[in-house]
Amino acid sequence: MYSGVPDQRRWVLPVVLEEQAETRGDQTFVTMTTGERLTYRELRDQAAQVAGMLAANGAGAGDRIALMLPNGLDFLRAWAGIGRVAATAVLLNNELTGSFLAHPLADSAPKMLIIDASFLPRLEGLEASLASVETIFVVGGEGERDFAEWQSADTLQAPLPAASDLACIMYTSGTTGAPKGVLMPHAHCFLFGFGVIDNCAVDEGDHYYICLPLSHANGLLMQLGAVLIAGAQATVRERFSASAWLDDVRASGATVTHSLGAISAFVIAQPASGHDRDHKLRLMLSAPNHPDHEQVWRTRFGIAEVVGGYGMTEVNIPIYGRIGEPRPGTCGKAYDRFFDVEIRDPHDDFPVEAGEVGEIMVRPRVAQGFMAGYINIPDKTVEAWRNLWFHTGDAGRMDADGYVTFVDRIKDCIRRRGENISATDIEAVLAELPGVAEVAAYAVPSDIPGGEDEIMCAIVRSADAPVEAARIVEHARARMPRFAQPRYIDFVASLPKTSTEKVRKADLRLAGITGTALDLEKLAGNRG
């Protein structure tokens, strides 16, 4: 275990890597399912060379460097190198394209961009959003600069970042408007990983299986961060595969992994086998922790501990399930060593009684345990932080024992395939189409139990040149990441509205998948 846990000023993952490289040296840190691997010392040394390359090209402490890479050793080298030069990593979702990609690039104004060659075509037409970028390093192909230049770079000798310095910026969708960039201090990032260790008894003898994107807080900070702090090992897959999941877990000897509702649903839907218990997994951390999924993980797969959790990029993971206290369907209890959690009335912020539904509100009990704010939109930071509490926008209830159950989203945000998606973003793209007069995007239940949301759009077509479903599919594929492409559309005469002309999304959600709705997956194989 990292020796700096008691000293919050040492809650810095680049500092953790330095120590683990000295104490564990040749121990394997990460193995890809392809067989490539890095030891602790190799990652530390190669990160210092990446940092040297970045510094030689003008990067320094506090500069923003955008990162758009798939899971892999180059992602780790780039991420650790950015940390070593004390810059701030702008972590971009690999699925982003079009306006979904243009916004975080323009909003964060990075000085450099490290991108996989396969993603380069997505930059076409985004010149205005790339105005701040001075250098683009390309991984795995020809480009302005080859990221592999790090191999001949000098090792950087410079001070490591402080716990209060910004480690990264991650973008998260909210109620309205474009996704917000979350400013994440190093201590905040550290606590994502240490919280898992503290609540799930992860230690140096554990082996993690990671199939979630490293561009997200769960994959990078909760899982890989826990491995780094504990001095454990990880096996990483480039991209989740339901059919390969159990084979990977078995072959790696993994003892711990995390899941999301959609991942659980897809793995559980695989044909049962007499070998489903042939693995070493002792713990599954799943969010949301659907009660049907938990039962299957325990009985069919023989996983002894299945725990839930609740968190946000902004607020860390303030709620964890408890080892040895199964409560299917709940998120767990407040991680009260570092966080306060209460359920309060979203209208007046007063506490509600045990068992009553209210808004989940959180605050840290440690410096730098939360985000530092939203980039470029201080008013949204103030809006979320009021009356001494961070308002999550999620409805929940807490029982008399302190267990929290997630109920629904108060905010107009859709959760699909592990991604938070702004309905406003979807509506803006579809509204570009000739023949679309009005559009409202909203969540409907997935047809897979526990599979989070599906996206449905109610569309009012122009009378003169009504748009056709096939054109919507074509436009969505060209302009949206896969996770944001709608599953269902319903052509309607009008949208339900309030007296002030706001769309009544609650009415649309209540109506659900109507008899007139078109399933675009069946129409064109548009699987997201």
Protein backbone atom coordinates (compact mmCIF):
# COMPACT_ATOMS: atom_id res chain seq x y z
CA MET A 1 0.00 0.00 0.00
CA TYR A 2 1.16 3.51 -0.82
CA SER A 3 2.71 5.10 2.27
CA GLY A 4 1.21 8.55 1.68
CA VAL A 5 -2.42 7.71 2.50
CA PRO A 6 -2.35 9.38 5.96
CA ASP A 7 -1.04 12.65 4.48
CA GLN A 8 -3.67 14.26 2.26
CA ARG A 9 -1.04 16.54 0.71
CA ARG A 10 0.43 13.38 -0.85
CA TRP A 11 -2.83 12.32 -2.50
CA VAL A 12 -1.26 12.61 -5.95
CA LEU A 13 -1.25 9.63 -8.34
CA PRO A 14 2.00 10.70 -10.09
CA VAL A 15 3.65 10.66 -6.65
CA VAL A 16 2.13 7.22 -6.00
CA LEU A 17 3.65 5.94 -9.24
CA GLU A 18 7.09 7.22 -8.24
CA GLU A 19 6.94 5.34 -4.93
CA GLN A 20 5.53 2.12 -6.36
CA ALA A 21 8.20 2.10 -9.09
CA GLU A 22 10.85 2.23 -6.38
CA THR A 23 9.29 -0.34 -4.04
CA ARG A 24 7.75 -2.75 -6.59
CA GLY A 25 9.99 -2.14 -9.60
CA ASP A 26 9.67 -5.17 -11.85
CA GLN A 27 6.20 -6.19 -10.65
CA THR A 28 3.67 -6.11 -13.49
CA PHE A 29 1.27 -3.19 -13.19
CA VAL A 30 -0.93 -3.64 -16.28
CA THR A 31 -1.33 -6.46 -18.80
CA MET A 32 -3.49 -5.95 -21.87
CA THR A 33 -5.61 -8.88 -23.01
CA THR A 34 -3.40 -8.85 -26.13
CA GLY A 35 -0.43 -9.80 -23.95
CA GLU A 36 1.38 -6.43 -23.86
CA ARG A 37 2.40 -5.36 -20.38
CA LEU A 38 4.10 -2.69 -18.30
CA THR A 39 5.79 -2.99 -14.93
CA TYR A 40 5.59 -0.21 -12.36
CA ARG A 41 9.15 0.86 -13.14
CA GLU A 42 8.61 0.77 -16.91
CA LEU A 43 5.56 3.00 -16.67
CA ARG A 44 7.34 5.45 -14.37
CA ASP A 45 10.38 5.65 -16.66
CA GLN A 46 8.41 5.84 -19.90
CA ALA A 47 6.08 8.47 -18.43
CA ALA A 48 9.13 10.58 -17.61
CA GLN A 49 10.23 10.32 -21.25
CA VAL A 50 6.76 11.25 -22.49
CA ALA A 51 6.90 14.21 -20.09
CA GLY A 52 10.30 15.12 -21.52
CA MET A 53 8.89 15.06 -25.05
CA LEU A 54 5.92 17.21 -24.03
CA ALA A 55 8.14 19.69 -22.20
CA ALA A 56 10.51 19.93 -25.17
CA ASN A 57 7.52 20.95 -27.27
CA GLY A 58 6.41 23.67 -24.89
CA ALA A 59 4.17 21.92 -22.37
CA GLY A 60 4.51 22.80 -18.72
CA ALA A 61 2.73 22.81 -15.38
CA GLY A 62 -0.93 23.73 -15.68
CA ASP A 63 -1.12 23.43 -19.47
CA ARG A 64 -4.03 21.43 -20.85
CA ILE A 65 -3.31 18.41 -23.03
CA ALA A 66 -6.25 16.60 -24.61
CA LEU A 67 -6.15 12.82 -24.80
CA MET A 68 -8.25 10.75 -27.20
CA LEU A 69 -6.95 7.20 -27.18
CA PRO A 70 -8.42 3.72 -26.73
CA ASN A 71 -7.53 1.61 -23.72
CA GLY A 72 -3.92 0.54 -24.16
CA LEU A 73 -0.35 1.03 -23.05
CA ASP A 74 -0.04 4.25 -25.03
CA PHE A 75 -2.98 5.65 -23.11
CA LEU A 76 -1.18 4.83 -19.86
CA ARG A 77 2.09 6.34 -21.07
CA ALA A 78 0.35 9.52 -22.23
CA TRP A 79 -1.78 9.90 -19.09
CA ALA A 80 1.14 9.27 -16.74
CA GLY A 81 3.39 11.53 -18.84
CA ILE A 82 0.90 14.39 -18.62
CA GLY A 83 0.82 13.93 -14.86
CA ARG A 84 4.62 13.85 -14.68
CA VAL A 85 4.93 17.21 -16.45
CA ALA A 86 2.27 18.54 -14.03
CA ALA A 87 -0.08 19.39 -16.90
CA THR A 88 -3.85 18.82 -16.92
CA ALA A 89 -5.25 15.94 -19.00
CA VAL A 90 -8.45 16.68 -20.91
CA LEU A 91 -9.90 13.17 -21.20
CA LEU A 92 -12.06 12.79 -24.31
CA ASN A 93 -14.54 9.98 -24.83
CA ASN A 94 -13.45 7.87 -27.81
CA GLU A 95 -17.01 7.74 -29.15
CA LEU A 96 -17.29 11.51 -29.63
CA THR A 97 -17.74 12.96 -33.08
CA GLY A 98 -19.16 16.09 -34.71
CA SER A 99 -20.52 18.72 -32.33
CA PHE A 100 -20.16 16.27 -29.45
CA LEU A 101 -16.38 16.43 -29.97
CA ALA A 102 -16.16 20.07 -31.04
CA HIS A 103 -17.53 21.37 -27.76
CA PRO A 104 -15.00 19.89 -25.28
CA LEU A 105 -12.12 20.78 -27.60
CA ALA A 106 -13.21 24.41 -27.91
CA ASP A 107 -14.28 24.69 -24.27
CA SER A 108 -11.07 23.30 -22.74
CA ALA A 109 -8.75 25.03 -25.25
CA PRO A 110 -5.93 22.46 -24.96
CA LYS A 111 -2.38 23.35 -25.95
CA MET A 112 -1.72 19.87 -27.31
CA LEU A 113 -3.71 16.87 -28.47
CA ILE A 114 -2.65 13.23 -28.31
CA ILE A 115 -4.93 11.20 -30.56
CA ASP A 116 -5.14 7.74 -32.10
CA ALA A 117 -4.69 7.71 -35.87
CA SER A 118 -8.06 6.01 -36.33
CA PHE A 119 -9.79 9.04 -34.80
CA LEU A 120 -8.13 11.65 -37.03
CA PRO A 121 -10.99 11.77 -39.58
CA ARG A 122 -13.26 13.04 -36.81
CA LEU A 123 -11.22 16.24 -36.60
CA GLU A 124 -12.21 17.22 -40.15
CA GLY A 125 -14.31 20.36 -40.05
CA LEU A 126 -13.40 21.12 -36.43
CA GLU A 127 -10.64 23.63 -37.19
CA ALA A 128 -12.29 26.38 -35.13
CA SER A 129 -12.46 24.09 -32.09
CA LEU A 130 -8.77 23.24 -32.50
CA ALA A 131 -7.62 26.87 -32.59
CA SER A 132 -5.72 26.59 -29.30
CA VAL A 133 -3.90 23.36 -30.25
CA GLU A 134 -0.25 23.96 -31.12
CA THR A 135 0.86 20.34 -31.52
CA ILE A 136 -0.96 17.11 -32.37
CA PHE A 137 0.77 13.85 -31.48
CA VAL A 138 -0.60 10.84 -33.36
CA VAL A 139 -0.50 7.28 -32.05
CA GLY A 140 -0.27 4.48 -34.57
CA GLY A 141 -0.13 6.36 -37.84
CA GLU A 142 1.11 9.29 -39.82
CA GLY A 143 0.35 12.79 -38.63
CA GLU A 144 1.81 16.10 -37.63
CA ARG A 145 3.97 14.45 -34.96
CA ASP A 146 4.49 10.81 -34.03
CA PHE A 147 3.74 10.07 -30.38
CA ALA A 148 6.45 7.40 -30.54
CA GLU A 149 9.00 10.23 -30.39
CA TRP A 150 8.89 9.73 -26.63
CA GLN A 151 11.18 6.73 -27.07
CA SER A 152 14.12 9.00 -27.92
CA ALA A 153 13.20 11.85 -25.57
CA ASP A 154 15.15 12.85 -22.48
CA THR A 155 13.72 12.01 -19.08
CA LEU A 156 12.05 15.01 -17.48
CA GLN A 157 13.47 16.19 -14.17
CA ALA A 158 10.92 18.58 -12.67
CA PRO A 159 8.75 18.97 -9.56
CA LEU A 160 5.72 16.70 -9.28
CA PRO A 161 2.25 18.26 -9.01
CA ALA A 162 0.56 19.11 -5.70
CA ALA A 163 -2.66 17.58 -4.40
CA SER A 164 -4.54 20.81 -5.12
CA ASP A 165 -3.29 21.10 -8.71
CA LEU A 166 -5.67 20.10 -11.51
CA ALA A 167 -5.05 16.54 -12.68
CA CYS A 168 -7.69 16.34 -15.38
CA ILE A 169 -10.87 17.64 -16.93
CA MET A 170 -13.70 15.21 -17.69
CA TYR A 171 -16.90 16.19 -19.45
CA THR A 172 -20.26 15.18 -18.05
CA SER A 173 -23.77 15.83 -19.32
CA GLY A 174 -26.24 17.74 -17.22
CA THR A 175 -29.75 19.10 -17.28
CA THR A 176 -29.52 21.54 -20.15
CA GLY A 177 -26.99 22.76 -22.64
CA ALA A 178 -23.66 21.30 -23.60
CA PRO A 179 -21.69 18.89 -21.38
CA LYS A 180 -19.82 20.57 -18.54
CA GLY A 181 -16.08 20.22 -18.02
CA VAL A 182 -15.36 19.05 -14.47
CA LEU A 183 -12.13 20.44 -12.99
CA MET A 184 -10.59 17.58 -10.99
CA PRO A 185 -7.77 18.17 -8.49
CA HIS A 186 -5.21 15.42 -7.90
CA ALA A 187 -6.56 14.69 -4.41
CA HIS A 188 -10.06 14.24 -5.83
CA CYS A 189 -8.71 11.76 -8.40
CA PHE A 190 -6.74 9.90 -5.72
CA LEU A 191 -9.82 9.52 -3.53
CA PHE A 192 -11.74 7.72 -6.29
CA GLY A 193 -9.22 4.88 -6.07
CA PHE A 194 -8.57 4.96 -2.35
CA GLY A 195 -12.31 4.86 -1.64
CA VAL A 196 -12.52 1.50 -3.41
CA ILE A 197 -9.59 0.17 -1.37
CA ASP A 198 -11.09 1.49 1.86
CA ASN A 199 -14.59 0.10 1.29
CA CYS A 200 -13.90 -3.08 -0.68
CA ALA A 201 -10.74 -4.31 1.07
CA VAL A 202 -8.61 -4.22 -2.09
CA ASP A 203 -4.94 -4.95 -1.40
CA GLU A 204 -1.68 -5.79 -3.18
CA GLY A 205 -2.73 -9.40 -3.65
CA ASP A 206 -5.72 -8.48 -5.80
CA HIS A 207 -5.88 -8.57 -9.58
CA TYR A 208 -8.31 -6.22 -11.33
CA TYR A 209 -10.08 -6.88 -14.62
CA ILE A 210 -10.86 -3.56 -16.33
CA CYS A 211 -13.06 -3.42 -19.42
CA LEU A 212 -14.49 0.08 -18.96
CA PRO A 213 -13.00 3.05 -20.86
CA LEU A 214 -9.94 4.59 -19.23
CA SER A 215 -11.26 7.98 -20.35
CA HIS A 216 -13.92 7.65 -17.62
CA ALA A 217 -13.53 8.05 -13.87
CA ASN A 218 -14.61 4.46 -13.16
CA GLY A 219 -12.04 2.76 -15.36
CA LEU A 220 -9.14 5.15 -14.82
CA LEU A 221 -9.53 6.45 -11.27
CA MET A 222 -11.67 3.97 -9.36
CA GLN A 223 -10.17 0.81 -10.83
CA LEU A 224 -6.70 1.61 -12.15
CA GLY A 225 -6.24 4.17 -9.36
CA ALA A 226 -7.05 1.51 -6.75
CA VAL A 227 -4.55 -0.87 -8.37
CA LEU A 228 -1.84 1.80 -8.32
CA ILE A 229 -2.40 2.84 -4.71
CA ALA A 230 -2.66 -0.75 -3.44
CA GLY A 231 0.32 -1.97 -5.47
CA ALA A 232 -1.81 -4.63 -7.16
CA GLN A 233 -2.08 -5.78 -10.80
CA ALA A 234 -4.62 -5.21 -13.57
CA THR A 235 -5.64 -6.83 -16.82
CA VAL A 236 -7.18 -4.34 -19.25
CA ARG A 237 -9.28 -4.97 -22.37
CA GLU A 238 -9.34 -2.33 -25.10
CA ARG A 239 -13.12 -2.47 -25.39
CA PHE A 240 -15.81 -4.35 -23.48
CA SER A 241 -16.95 -7.63 -25.02
CA ALA A 242 -19.78 -9.58 -23.43
CA SER A 243 -18.70 -12.84 -25.08
CA ALA A 244 -15.07 -12.43 -23.96
CA TRP A 245 -15.79 -11.17 -20.45
CA LEU A 246 -15.73 -14.47 -18.56
CA ASP A 247 -12.83 -15.86 -20.60
CA ASP A 248 -10.81 -12.73 -19.78
CA VAL A 249 -11.66 -12.93 -16.09
CA ARG A 250 -10.71 -16.60 -15.98
CA ALA A 251 -7.47 -16.25 -17.96
CA SER A 252 -6.26 -13.24 -15.99
CA GLY A 253 -6.95 -14.71 -12.57
CA ALA A 254 -8.83 -11.52 -11.70
CA THR A 255 -10.21 -11.20 -8.18
CA VAL A 256 -12.02 -7.85 -8.51
CA THR A 257 -13.90 -6.05 -11.27
CA HIS A 258 -16.50 -3.33 -11.74
CA SER A 259 -19.65 -3.34 -13.80
CA LEU A 260 -22.35 -0.99 -15.01
CA GLY A 261 -26.00 -1.87 -15.44
CA ALA A 262 -25.68 -2.37 -19.18
CA ILE A 263 -22.52 -4.48 -18.87
CA SER A 264 -24.14 -6.69 -16.25
CA ALA A 265 -27.18 -7.16 -18.48
CA PHE A 266 -25.09 -8.10 -21.52
CA VAL A 267 -22.84 -10.56 -19.65
CA ILE A 268 -25.74 -12.20 -17.85
CA ALA A 269 -27.55 -12.57 -21.18
CA GLN A 270 -24.74 -14.83 -22.46
CA PRO A 271 -25.67 -18.54 -22.52
CA ALA A 272 -25.16 -20.21 -19.15
CA SER A 273 -22.32 -22.72 -18.91
CA GLY A 274 -21.08 -25.27 -16.46
CA HIS A 275 -17.89 -23.21 -16.30
CA ASP A 276 -19.52 -19.96 -15.14
CA ARG A 277 -17.99 -20.42 -11.68
CA ASP A 278 -14.50 -21.27 -12.95
CA HIS A 279 -12.83 -18.00 -11.96
CA LYS A 280 -11.26 -16.27 -8.96
CA LEU A 281 -13.52 -13.21 -8.69
CA ARG A 282 -14.25 -12.44 -5.06
CA LEU A 283 -15.87 -9.02 -5.53
CA MET A 284 -18.00 -7.19 -8.07
CA LEU A 285 -18.71 -3.49 -7.62
CA SER A 286 -21.73 -2.62 -9.73
CA ALA A 287 -23.53 0.66 -10.24
CA PRO A 288 -26.42 0.56 -10.49
CA ASN A 289 -26.71 -2.62 -8.43
CA HIS A 290 -29.87 -4.10 -9.93
CA PRO A 291 -31.31 -6.71 -7.51
CA ASP A 292 -31.89 -9.26 -10.29
CA HIS A 293 -28.29 -8.86 -11.44
CA GLU A 294 -26.91 -9.24 -7.93
CA GLN A 295 -28.79 -12.49 -7.48
CA VAL A 296 -27.38 -13.90 -10.73
CA TRP A 297 -23.81 -12.75 -9.97
CA ARG A 298 -24.00 -14.57 -6.63
CA THR A 299 -25.83 -17.74 -7.64
CA ARG A 300 -24.85 -18.44 -11.25
CA PHE A 301 -21.34 -16.97 -11.16
CA GLY A 302 -20.54 -17.64 -7.50
CA ILE A 303 -19.19 -14.16 -6.71
CA ALA A 304 -19.19 -13.87 -2.92
CA GLU A 305 -19.39 -10.09 -2.63
CA VAL A 306 -21.53 -7.94 -4.92
CA VAL A 307 -21.72 -4.35 -3.73
CA GLY A 308 -23.24 -1.18 -5.08
CA GLY A 309 -22.08 2.39 -5.11
CA TYR A 310 -23.13 5.88 -6.11
CA GLY A 311 -21.09 8.75 -7.40
CA MET A 312 -20.55 11.45 -9.97
CA THR A 313 -17.50 12.87 -11.67
CA GLU A 314 -18.12 16.03 -9.65
CA VAL A 315 -18.52 14.49 -6.18
CA ASN A 316 -16.38 11.33 -6.18
CA ILE A 317 -17.99 8.13 -4.78
CA PRO A 318 -19.68 9.20 -1.52
CA ILE A 319 -21.81 6.04 -1.17
CA TYR A 320 -20.56 2.45 -1.09
CA GLY A 321 -22.10 -0.93 -0.37
CA ARG A 322 -20.74 -2.80 2.64
CA ILE A 323 -18.80 -6.05 2.53
CA GLY A 324 -20.80 -8.78 4.26
CA GLU A 325 -24.01 -6.72 4.28
CA PRO A 326 -25.89 -7.56 1.07
CA ARG A 327 -28.65 -5.06 0.30
CA PRO A 328 -29.72 -5.81 -3.29
CA GLY A 329 -30.96 -2.80 -5.19
CA THR A 330 -29.34 -0.22 -2.92
CA CYS A 331 -26.29 1.94 -3.56
CA GLY A 332 -24.97 1.40 -0.04
CA LYS A 333 -24.32 3.80 2.84
CA ALA A 334 -22.49 7.11 3.09
CA TYR A 335 -18.69 6.83 2.97
CA ASP A 336 -18.71 8.96 6.09
CA ARG A 337 -14.96 8.94 6.60
CA PHE A 338 -14.78 11.59 3.89
CA PHE A 339 -18.35 12.56 2.88
CA ASP A 340 -21.70 13.66 4.27
CA VAL A 341 -24.78 12.39 2.42
CA GLU A 342 -28.39 13.36 3.09
CA ILE A 343 -31.72 13.16 1.29
CA ARG A 344 -33.33 16.60 1.17
CA ASP A 345 -36.31 18.29 -0.40
CA PRO A 346 -35.15 19.64 -3.79
CA HIS A 347 -37.47 22.63 -3.47
CA ASP A 348 -36.36 24.02 -0.10
CA ASP A 349 -33.26 21.93 0.79
CA PHE A 350 -34.69 20.80 4.14
CA PRO A 351 -34.13 17.14 5.17
CA VAL A 352 -36.86 14.60 4.48
CA GLU A 353 -37.85 11.71 6.74
CA ALA A 354 -36.30 8.26 6.45
CA GLY A 355 -37.86 6.37 3.57
CA GLU A 356 -39.14 9.49 1.82
CA VAL A 357 -37.96 10.38 -1.67
CA GLY A 358 -35.89 13.53 -2.06
CA GLU A 359 -32.74 14.73 -3.78
CA ILE A 360 -29.41 13.07 -2.98
CA MET A 361 -27.17 15.82 -1.62
CA VAL A 362 -23.48 15.47 -0.80
CA ARG A 363 -20.58 17.44 0.65
CA PRO A 364 -16.94 16.52 1.33
CA ARG A 365 -15.31 16.29 4.74
CA VAL A 366 -11.81 16.62 3.32
CA ALA A 367 -10.06 19.33 1.30
CA GLN A 368 -9.97 18.79 -2.48
CA GLY A 369 -12.30 15.78 -2.17
CA PHE A 370 -14.69 17.24 -4.74
CA MET A 371 -14.29 18.91 -8.09
CA ALA A 372 -12.86 22.43 -8.15
CA GLY A 373 -15.80 23.60 -10.28
CA TYR A 374 -17.00 23.60 -13.88
CA ILE A 375 -14.68 25.08 -16.48
CA ASN A 376 -15.84 28.43 -17.91
CA ILE A 377 -19.29 28.29 -16.25
CA PRO A 378 -18.92 29.46 -12.63
CA ASP A 379 -22.66 30.11 -12.46
CA LYS A 380 -23.32 26.38 -12.88
CA THR A 381 -20.88 25.64 -10.06
CA VAL A 382 -22.77 28.07 -7.80
CA GLU A 383 -26.10 26.62 -8.91
CA ALA A 384 -25.02 23.09 -7.93
CA TRP A 385 -23.46 24.27 -4.65
CA ARG A 386 -26.10 25.98 -2.54
CA ASN A 387 -27.17 25.90 1.11
CA LEU A 388 -23.90 24.10 1.96
CA TRP A 389 -24.72 21.05 -0.19
CA PHE A 390 -23.92 19.83 -3.68
CA HIS A 391 -27.19 19.05 -5.45
CA THR A 392 -26.73 15.89 -7.52
CA GLY A 393 -29.98 16.20 -9.47
CA ASP A 394 -30.77 12.58 -8.57
CA ALA A 395 -33.76 11.43 -6.55
CA GLY A 396 -33.26 8.83 -3.84
CA ARG A 397 -34.36 7.66 -0.43
CA MET A 398 -32.49 6.61 2.69
CA ASP A 399 -33.84 3.98 5.06
CA ALA A 400 -33.53 4.01 8.84
CA ASP A 401 -30.23 2.08 8.61
CA GLY A 402 -28.70 4.67 6.29
CA TYR A 403 -28.90 2.65 3.05
CA VAL A 404 -29.54 4.80 0.00
CA THR A 405 -31.63 3.69 -2.97
CA PHE A 406 -31.44 5.56 -6.27
CA VAL A 407 -34.95 6.33 -7.53
CA ASP A 408 -34.72 8.44 -10.68
CA ARG A 409 -33.05 11.42 -12.28
CA ILE A 410 -34.52 14.80 -11.45
CA LYS A 411 -32.51 16.34 -14.24
CA ASP A 412 -33.21 15.88 -17.94
CA CYS A 413 -30.33 13.53 -18.55
CA ILE A 414 -30.29 10.09 -20.16
CA ARG A 415 -28.11 7.21 -18.94
CA ARG A 416 -27.27 4.75 -21.71
CA ARG A 417 -24.46 2.22 -22.12
CA GLY A 418 -22.69 3.71 -19.12
CA GLU A 419 -22.79 7.25 -20.56
CA ASN A 420 -24.63 10.32 -19.29
CA ILE A 421 -26.17 12.02 -22.31
CA SER A 422 -27.74 15.45 -22.49
CA ALA A 423 -31.15 15.37 -24.16
CA THR A 424 -30.42 18.88 -25.39
CA ASP A 425 -27.42 17.67 -27.40
CA ILE A 426 -29.49 14.99 -29.13
CA GLU A 427 -32.26 17.45 -29.91
CA ALA A 428 -29.82 19.98 -31.35
CA VAL A 429 -28.38 17.48 -33.83
CA LEU A 430 -31.75 16.15 -35.00
CA ALA A 431 -33.13 19.68 -35.31
CA GLU A 432 -30.52 20.32 -38.01
CA LEU A 433 -32.42 18.02 -40.36
CA PRO A 434 -34.70 19.58 -42.94
CA GLY A 435 -38.18 18.31 -42.29
CA VAL A 436 -37.88 18.33 -38.49
CA ALA A 437 -40.03 21.08 -36.97
CA GLU A 438 -39.63 20.12 -33.30
CA VAL A 439 -37.94 17.31 -31.41
CA ALA A 440 -37.85 16.14 -27.80
CA ALA A 441 -35.42 13.46 -26.60
CA TYR A 442 -36.07 11.52 -23.40
CA ALA A 443 -35.32 8.26 -21.64
CA VAL A 444 -37.45 5.13 -21.81
CA PRO A 445 -36.70 1.83 -20.09
CA SER A 446 -34.37 -0.62 -21.77
CA ASP A 447 -35.85 -3.92 -22.88
CA ILE A 448 -32.97 -5.59 -21.02
CA PRO A 449 -33.69 -5.73 -17.24
CA GLY A 450 -31.30 -3.38 -15.47
CA GLY A 451 -29.96 -2.16 -18.80
CA GLU A 452 -30.27 1.53 -17.94
CA ASP A 453 -32.09 3.72 -20.51
CA GLU A 454 -32.91 3.72 -24.18
CA ILE A 455 -33.28 6.98 -26.08
CA MET A 456 -36.62 7.92 -27.58
CA CYS A 457 -37.39 11.03 -29.62
CA ALA A 458 -40.80 12.54 -30.27
CA ILE A 459 -40.59 14.41 -33.57
CA VAL A 460 -42.97 16.90 -35.12
CA ARG A 461 -42.37 16.86 -38.87
CA SER A 462 -42.57 19.86 -41.16
CA ALA A 463 -45.77 19.85 -43.16
CA ASP A 464 -44.12 20.80 -46.44
CA ALA A 465 -41.26 18.26 -46.49
CA PRO A 466 -41.59 15.71 -43.68
CA VAL A 467 -38.43 13.87 -42.75
CA GLU A 468 -38.34 10.08 -43.07
CA ALA A 469 -37.07 7.61 -40.46
CA ALA A 470 -34.25 6.37 -42.70
CA ARG A 471 -32.90 9.91 -43.02
CA ILE A 472 -32.89 10.27 -39.24
CA VAL A 473 -30.87 7.07 -38.89
CA GLU A 474 -28.39 8.25 -41.51
CA HIS A 475 -28.00 11.69 -39.91
CA ALA A 476 -27.62 10.28 -36.39
CA ARG A 477 -24.92 7.86 -37.50
CA ALA A 478 -22.98 10.65 -39.18
CA ARG A 479 -23.32 13.25 -36.44
CA MET A 480 -23.58 11.41 -33.12
CA PRO A 481 -21.52 8.93 -31.11
CA ARG A 482 -23.13 5.51 -31.04
CA PHE A 483 -24.29 5.79 -27.45
CA ALA A 484 -26.29 8.97 -28.25
CA GLN A 485 -28.11 7.64 -31.32
CA PRO A 486 -31.85 7.23 -30.60
CA ARG A 487 -33.33 3.77 -30.38
CA TYR A 488 -36.96 4.84 -30.87
CA ILE A 489 -38.70 7.69 -32.69
CA ASP A 490 -42.34 8.65 -32.65
CA PHE A 491 -43.73 11.02 -35.26
CA VAL A 492 -46.32 13.13 -33.42
CA ALA A 493 -48.65 15.98 -34.35
CA SER A 494 -47.44 18.14 -31.45
CA LEU A 495 -45.36 18.01 -28.27
CA PRO A 496 -47.02 18.36 -24.86
CA LYS A 497 -46.08 21.75 -23.39
CA THR A 498 -46.57 23.92 -20.35
CA SER A 499 -48.22 27.34 -20.44
CA THR A 500 -44.75 28.82 -20.91
CA GLU A 501 -44.07 26.60 -23.93
CA LYS A 502 -41.67 24.22 -22.17
CA VAL A 503 -41.91 20.61 -23.32
CA ARG A 504 -43.46 18.38 -20.68
CA LYS A 505 -40.82 15.65 -20.71
CA ALA A 506 -42.48 13.92 -17.75
CA ASP A 507 -45.58 13.29 -19.88
CA LEU A 508 -43.48 11.82 -22.66
CA ARG A 509 -41.57 9.57 -20.27
CA LEU A 510 -44.83 8.43 -18.69
CA ALA A 511 -46.25 7.49 -22.09
CA GLY A 512 -43.15 5.39 -22.71
CA ILE A 513 -42.74 3.44 -25.93
CA THR A 514 -45.99 4.12 -27.74
CA GLY A 515 -47.69 1.85 -30.22
CA THR A 516 -46.75 4.20 -33.04
CA ALA A 517 -43.06 4.35 -32.13
CA LEU A 518 -40.50 3.04 -34.61
CA ASP A 519 -37.64 0.86 -33.36
CA LEU A 520 -34.63 2.07 -35.34
CA GLU A 521 -32.62 -1.03 -34.44
CA LYS A 522 -35.15 -3.19 -36.24
CA LEU A 523 -35.40 -0.67 -39.05
CA ALA A 524 -31.68 -0.46 -39.82
CA GLY A 525 -29.61 -2.49 -37.38
CA ASN A 526 -28.72 0.70 -35.50
CA ARG A 527 -27.32 -1.06 -32.43
CA GLY A 528 -25.68 1.43 -30.03
